[in-house]
Amino acid sequence: MNDIKKKPASAPVKVFRQGAIAASIWKRQATCGFEYFDFTVSRSWKTSSTGKEGYSSSFFVRSADELQVVIQEAADWIESQPAGKQRVQSSDDSAESGVNRSYRRWSFDRPE
C-alpha cells in the first residue's frame, strides 16, 4: 500500500492556448519562501474510437508553430510580473538572476 500523500494540485494562474497546445503558468514557492512563476507545456488529445480525452507532454513536429507561440506568450507574461523580477540570493551570498532571465524569441529553422 502506498502511504505517500500528494499535495493537492492547484490551478494554473494563467493558460495560453493555440489549438490543442497549451502553456500553463504556475506560481511556485521555494523552500526559502521565494515565490516565482514557471510554466508547463501540454497537448490535449481525444481518441476518435472511444472519445477518451487526456493530456500529453509529447508533441508532433506539426505543432512547432503553436508551441513557439504559447512558449513566447508564457515567457513574456512571466517576465512582466513583479515576482519574475525578484533576485535570488544563493547560499554563497552571490546574487544570481535565477528567475529574471532575458527570454529570447523562439524560432524553429525549417527547410523551405
Protein backbone atom coordinates (compact mmCIF):
# COMPACT_ATOMS: atom_id res chain seq x y z
CA MET A 1 0.00 0.00 0.00
CA ASN A 2 1.29 3.47 -0.83
CA ASP A 3 1.25 5.87 2.15
CA ILE A 4 2.67 8.85 0.24
CA LYS A 5 0.25 11.76 0.35
CA LYS A 6 0.26 14.13 -2.57
CA LYS A 7 -0.18 17.85 -2.16
CA PRO A 8 -3.50 18.88 -3.74
CA ALA A 9 -2.98 20.32 -7.21
CA SER A 10 -3.69 23.99 -7.56
CA ALA A 11 -4.94 25.63 -10.71
CA PRO A 12 -2.54 27.45 -13.03
CA VAL A 13 -2.57 31.25 -12.69
CA LYS A 14 -2.75 31.70 -16.48
CA VAL A 15 -3.09 29.47 -19.55
CA PHE A 16 -2.15 30.35 -23.13
CA ARG A 17 -3.65 28.17 -25.87
CA GLN A 18 -3.10 27.60 -29.56
CA GLY A 19 -5.33 24.80 -30.80
CA ALA A 20 -4.55 21.66 -28.79
CA ILE A 21 -1.31 23.15 -27.38
CA ALA A 22 -1.28 24.99 -24.05
CA ALA A 23 1.27 26.65 -21.79
CA SER A 24 0.11 26.72 -18.17
CA ILE A 25 1.75 29.18 -15.79
CA TRP A 26 2.18 28.12 -12.16
CA LYS A 27 3.04 30.17 -9.10
CA ARG A 28 5.61 28.30 -7.03
CA GLN A 29 7.35 28.88 -3.74
CA ALA A 30 10.87 27.70 -2.95
CA THR A 31 11.64 26.21 0.45
CA CYS A 32 13.30 29.50 1.42
CA GLY A 33 9.98 31.30 0.78
CA PHE A 34 10.89 32.87 -2.57
CA GLU A 35 7.87 32.98 -4.91
CA TYR A 36 8.30 32.60 -8.65
CA PHE A 37 6.45 31.57 -11.80
CA ASP A 38 7.24 28.74 -14.19
CA PHE A 39 5.31 27.04 -16.97
CA THR A 40 4.47 23.64 -18.33
CA VAL A 41 3.51 22.82 -21.90
CA SER A 42 0.93 20.21 -22.85
CA ARG A 43 -1.06 18.87 -25.79
CA SER A 44 -4.67 17.80 -25.39
CA TRP A 45 -5.92 14.73 -27.25
CA LYS A 46 -9.09 12.73 -27.79
CA THR A 47 -9.47 9.27 -29.31
CA SER A 48 -11.96 9.01 -32.13
CA SER A 49 -12.94 5.43 -31.26
CA THR A 50 -13.77 5.77 -27.56
CA GLY A 51 -13.89 9.52 -27.02
CA LYS A 52 -11.33 9.23 -24.23
CA GLU A 53 -9.59 12.56 -23.54
CA GLY A 54 -6.27 13.42 -21.94
CA TYR A 55 -3.11 15.50 -21.99
CA SER A 56 0.39 14.70 -23.17
CA SER A 57 3.81 16.30 -22.80
CA SER A 58 4.87 14.86 -26.18
CA PHE A 59 4.44 16.81 -29.39
CA PHE A 60 4.36 16.29 -33.13
CA VAL A 61 6.58 18.34 -35.44
CA ARG A 62 3.41 19.84 -36.91
CA SER A 63 2.81 21.52 -33.52
CA ALA A 64 6.04 23.57 -33.70
CA ASP A 65 4.31 26.84 -34.62
CA GLU A 66 1.74 26.53 -31.82
CA LEU A 67 4.48 25.60 -29.34
CA GLN A 68 6.50 28.63 -30.35
CA VAL A 69 3.54 30.96 -29.77
CA VAL A 70 2.47 29.63 -26.35
CA ILE A 71 6.05 29.42 -25.04
CA GLN A 72 6.74 33.02 -26.04
CA GLU A 73 3.43 34.21 -24.56
CA ALA A 74 4.17 32.41 -21.28
CA ALA A 75 7.73 33.79 -21.12
CA ASP A 76 6.53 37.33 -21.85
CA TRP A 77 3.79 37.10 -19.21
CA ILE A 78 6.16 35.76 -16.55
CA GLU A 79 8.73 38.44 -17.29
CA SER A 80 6.05 41.14 -16.91
CA GLN A 81 5.14 40.00 -13.38
CA PRO A 82 6.67 41.57 -10.26
CA ALA A 83 7.59 38.11 -8.86
CA GLY A 84 9.53 37.41 -12.05
CA LYS A 85 11.74 40.44 -11.46
CA GLN A 86 12.96 39.49 -7.98
CA ARG A 87 16.54 38.47 -7.40
CA VAL A 88 17.52 35.32 -5.54
CA GLN A 89 20.39 35.13 -3.04
CA SER A 90 22.28 31.89 -3.41
CA SER A 91 23.75 30.05 -0.46
CA ASP A 92 27.16 31.67 -1.05
CA ASP A 93 25.55 35.15 -0.90
CA SER A 94 26.23 35.93 -4.54
CA ALA A 95 23.22 37.38 -6.34
CA GLU A 96 22.00 35.50 -9.34
CA SER A 97 19.07 36.25 -11.57
CA GLY A 98 17.54 32.79 -11.24
CA VAL A 99 14.08 33.85 -12.29
CA ASN A 100 14.69 37.12 -14.10
CA ARG A 101 16.18 35.99 -17.38
CA SER A 102 16.13 37.64 -20.75
CA TYR A 103 13.93 35.39 -22.81
CA ARG A 104 14.94 35.16 -26.40
CA ARG A 105 12.43 34.95 -29.19
CA TRP A 106 11.88 31.33 -30.10
CA SER A 107 12.33 30.24 -33.67
CA PHE A 108 12.50 26.94 -35.45
CA ASP A 109 14.63 26.51 -38.55
CA ARG A 110 12.74 24.66 -41.22
CA PRO A 111 13.68 23.72 -44.74
CA GLU A 112 11.60 25.59 -47.29
